[in-house]
Amino acid sequence: MVLASRGIPFQRQYPVGVFFRGTNVGEFRADLLVASSVIVEMKAVQKLDLSHEKQLLNYLRATSLEVGLLLNFGPAAQIRRLALDNERKKMKGAVAAPGF
């Protein structure tokens, strides 16, 4: 993978815990976590739509991370950068991604 060849740390299938009223009720799997700071979600569809953005925003809400990239490798390459000022960073006891 290009990231590894350039010495950029990453994790594939990064688990994102889903909590409801303080109880872990499951987990999402983000495609990549890059440098412990950016979630990357990859698609291979005709065109990105709102549901893809919502998926990435849910990952950002569930972590202390604030930046995500949505990449589409469909017929016409698309890249979207999403940022979310995350209140979880300010919450006492918020779960942080590794390296925070």
C-alpha atoms as a PDB file:
ATOM      1  CA  MET A   1       0.000   0.000   0.000  1.00  0.00           C
ATOM      2  CA  VAL A   2       1.236   3.491  -0.838  1.00  0.00           C
ATOM      3  CA  LEU A   3       0.747   4.769   2.713  1.00  0.00           C
ATOM      4  CA  ALA A   4       3.061   2.113   4.147  1.00  0.00           C
ATOM      5  CA  SER A   5       5.693   2.683   1.462  1.00  0.00           C
ATOM      6  CA  ARG A   6       5.769   6.366   2.454  1.00  0.00           C
ATOM      7  CA  GLY A   7       5.973   5.648   6.168  1.00  0.00           C
ATOM      8  CA  ILE A   8       2.490   6.978   6.945  1.00  0.00           C
ATOM      9  CA  PRO A   9       0.868   5.053   9.801  1.00  0.00           C
ATOM     10  CA  PHE A  10      -2.615   3.678   9.153  1.00  0.00           C
ATOM     11  CA  GLN A  11      -5.062   1.024  10.323  1.00  0.00           C
ATOM     12  CA  ARG A  12      -7.432  -0.887   8.051  1.00  0.00           C
ATOM     13  CA  GLN A  13     -10.997  -1.634   9.166  1.00  0.00           C
ATOM     14  CA  TYR A  14     -10.679   0.691  12.162  1.00  0.00           C
ATOM     15  CA  PRO A  15     -13.339  -0.197  14.781  1.00  0.00           C
ATOM     16  CA  VAL A  16     -15.546   2.687  15.914  1.00  0.00           C
ATOM     17  CA  GLY A  17     -17.585   1.910  19.031  1.00  0.00           C
ATOM     18  CA  VAL A  18     -21.283   2.815  19.052  1.00  0.00           C
ATOM     19  CA  PHE A  19     -22.619   3.915  22.433  1.00  0.00           C
ATOM     20  CA  PHE A  20     -26.173   4.511  23.598  1.00  0.00           C
ATOM     21  CA  ARG A  21     -26.570   6.128  27.002  1.00  0.00           C
ATOM     22  CA  GLY A  22     -23.072   5.088  27.961  1.00  0.00           C
ATOM     23  CA  THR A  23     -23.470   1.444  26.904  1.00  0.00           C
ATOM     24  CA  ASN A  24     -21.561  -0.029  23.969  1.00  0.00           C
ATOM     25  CA  VAL A  25     -24.197  -1.389  21.595  1.00  0.00           C
ATOM     26  CA  GLY A  26     -21.970  -2.300  18.659  1.00  0.00           C
ATOM     27  CA  GLU A  27     -19.368  -0.951  16.312  1.00  0.00           C
ATOM     28  CA  PHE A  28     -18.824   0.519  12.879  1.00  0.00           C
ATOM     29  CA  ARG A  29     -15.788  -0.348  10.761  1.00  0.00           C
ATOM     30  CA  ALA A  30     -14.170   2.621   9.037  1.00  0.00           C
ATOM     31  CA  ASP A  31     -12.117   1.634   5.993  1.00  0.00           C
ATOM     32  CA  LEU A  32      -8.955   3.435   7.142  1.00  0.00           C
ATOM     33  CA  LEU A  33      -7.649   5.505  10.006  1.00  0.00           C
ATOM     34  CA  VAL A  34      -4.640   7.494   8.778  1.00  0.00           C
ATOM     35  CA  ALA A  35      -2.052   8.930  11.159  1.00  0.00           C
ATOM     36  CA  SER A  36      -4.500   8.552  14.061  1.00  0.00           C
ATOM     37  CA  SER A  37      -6.265  11.673  12.831  1.00  0.00           C
ATOM     38  CA  VAL A  38      -8.231  11.173   9.581  1.00  0.00           C
ATOM     39  CA  ILE A  39     -10.950   8.633   8.847  1.00  0.00           C
ATOM     40  CA  VAL A  40     -11.021   7.571   5.190  1.00  0.00           C
ATOM     41  CA  GLU A  41     -14.099   5.881   3.752  1.00  0.00           C
ATOM     42  CA  MET A  42     -13.733   4.389   0.267  1.00  0.00           C
ATOM     43  CA  LYS A  43     -16.490   3.654  -2.227  1.00  0.00           C
ATOM     44  CA  ALA A  44     -16.757   2.305  -5.759  1.00  0.00           C
ATOM     45  CA  VAL A  45     -20.138   3.642  -6.891  1.00  0.00           C
ATOM     46  CA  GLN A  46     -21.529   5.592  -9.854  1.00  0.00           C
ATOM     47  CA  LYS A  47     -21.772   8.769  -7.790  1.00  0.00           C
ATOM     48  CA  LEU A  48     -21.409   9.695  -4.123  1.00  0.00           C
ATOM     49  CA  ASP A  49     -24.674  10.605  -2.453  1.00  0.00           C
ATOM     50  CA  LEU A  50     -25.878  11.998   0.854  1.00  0.00           C
ATOM     51  CA  SER A  51     -25.976   8.551   2.508  1.00  0.00           C
ATOM     52  CA  HIS A  52     -22.206   8.194   2.020  1.00  0.00           C
ATOM     53  CA  GLU A  53     -21.587  11.557   3.663  1.00  0.00           C
ATOM     54  CA  LYS A  54     -23.903  10.640   6.543  1.00  0.00           C
ATOM     55  CA  GLN A  55     -21.987   7.402   7.086  1.00  0.00           C
ATOM     56  CA  LEU A  56     -18.699   9.283   7.407  1.00  0.00           C
ATOM     57  CA  LEU A  57     -20.258  11.942   9.656  1.00  0.00           C
ATOM     58  CA  ASN A  58     -21.527   9.175  11.954  1.00  0.00           C
ATOM     59  CA  TYR A  59     -17.970   7.857  12.235  1.00  0.00           C
ATOM     60  CA  LEU A  60     -16.753  11.341  13.123  1.00  0.00           C
ATOM     61  CA  ARG A  61     -19.523  11.797  15.713  1.00  0.00           C
ATOM     62  CA  ALA A  62     -18.677   8.468  17.339  1.00  0.00           C
ATOM     63  CA  THR A  63     -14.996   9.389  17.816  1.00  0.00           C
ATOM     64  CA  SER A  64     -12.960  12.372  18.901  1.00  0.00           C
ATOM     65  CA  LEU A  65     -11.783  12.772  15.292  1.00  0.00           C
ATOM     66  CA  GLU A  66     -12.886  15.816  13.317  1.00  0.00           C
ATOM     67  CA  VAL A  67     -11.709  15.202   9.725  1.00  0.00           C
ATOM     68  CA  GLY A  68     -12.772  12.556   7.237  1.00  0.00           C
ATOM     69  CA  LEU A  69     -12.191  11.851   3.557  1.00  0.00           C
ATOM     70  CA  LEU A  70     -14.733  10.193   1.322  1.00  0.00           C
ATOM     71  CA  LEU A  71     -13.121   8.670  -1.782  1.00  0.00           C
ATOM     72  CA  ASN A  72     -15.033   7.261  -4.730  1.00  0.00           C
ATOM     73  CA  PHE A  73     -13.213   5.058  -7.238  1.00  0.00           C
ATOM     74  CA  GLY A  74     -16.239   4.794  -9.548  1.00  0.00           C
ATOM     75  CA  PRO A  75     -16.397   5.862 -13.205  1.00  0.00           C
ATOM     76  CA  ALA A  76     -15.498   9.446 -12.256  1.00  0.00           C
ATOM     77  CA  ALA A  77     -13.181   9.764  -9.259  1.00  0.00           C
ATOM     78  CA  GLN A  78     -14.610  11.891  -6.451  1.00  0.00           C
ATOM     79  CA  ILE A  79     -13.097  13.179  -3.233  1.00  0.00           C
ATOM     80  CA  ARG A  80     -14.992  14.887  -0.433  1.00  0.00           C
ATOM     81  CA  ARG A  81     -13.443  16.242   2.745  1.00  0.00           C
ATOM     82  CA  LEU A  82     -15.788  16.469   5.713  1.00  0.00           C
ATOM     83  CA  ALA A  83     -15.033  18.196   8.980  1.00  0.00           C
ATOM     84  CA  LEU A  84     -17.059  18.068  12.167  1.00  0.00           C
ATOM     85  CA  ASP A  85     -16.401  20.173  15.245  1.00  0.00           C
ATOM     86  CA  ASN A  86     -16.833  17.298  17.651  1.00  0.00           C
ATOM     87  CA  GLU A  87     -18.358  17.971  21.078  1.00  0.00           C
ATOM     88  CA  ARG A  88     -17.038  14.590  22.276  1.00  0.00           C
ATOM     89  CA  LYS A  89     -13.594  16.189  22.569  1.00  0.00           C
ATOM     90  CA  LYS A  90     -14.989  18.437  25.273  1.00  0.00           C
ATOM     91  CA  MET A  91     -16.844  15.690  27.148  1.00  0.00           C
ATOM     92  CA  LYS A  92     -15.197  14.232  30.210  1.00  0.00           C
ATOM     93  CA  GLY A  93     -14.153  10.647  29.549  1.00  0.00           C
ATOM     94  CA  ALA A  94     -14.639  10.794  25.793  1.00  0.00           C
ATOM     95  CA  VAL A  95     -13.107   7.853  23.936  1.00  0.00           C
ATOM     96  CA  ALA A  96     -10.226   8.970  21.746  1.00  0.00           C
ATOM     97  CA  ALA A  97      -8.672   7.262  18.789  1.00  0.00           C
ATOM     98  CA  PRO A  98      -5.221   5.715  19.379  1.00  0.00           C
ATOM     99  CA  GLY A  99      -2.483   8.292  19.642  1.00  0.00           C
ATOM    100  CA  PHE A 100      -4.592  10.982  21.298  1.00  0.00           C
END
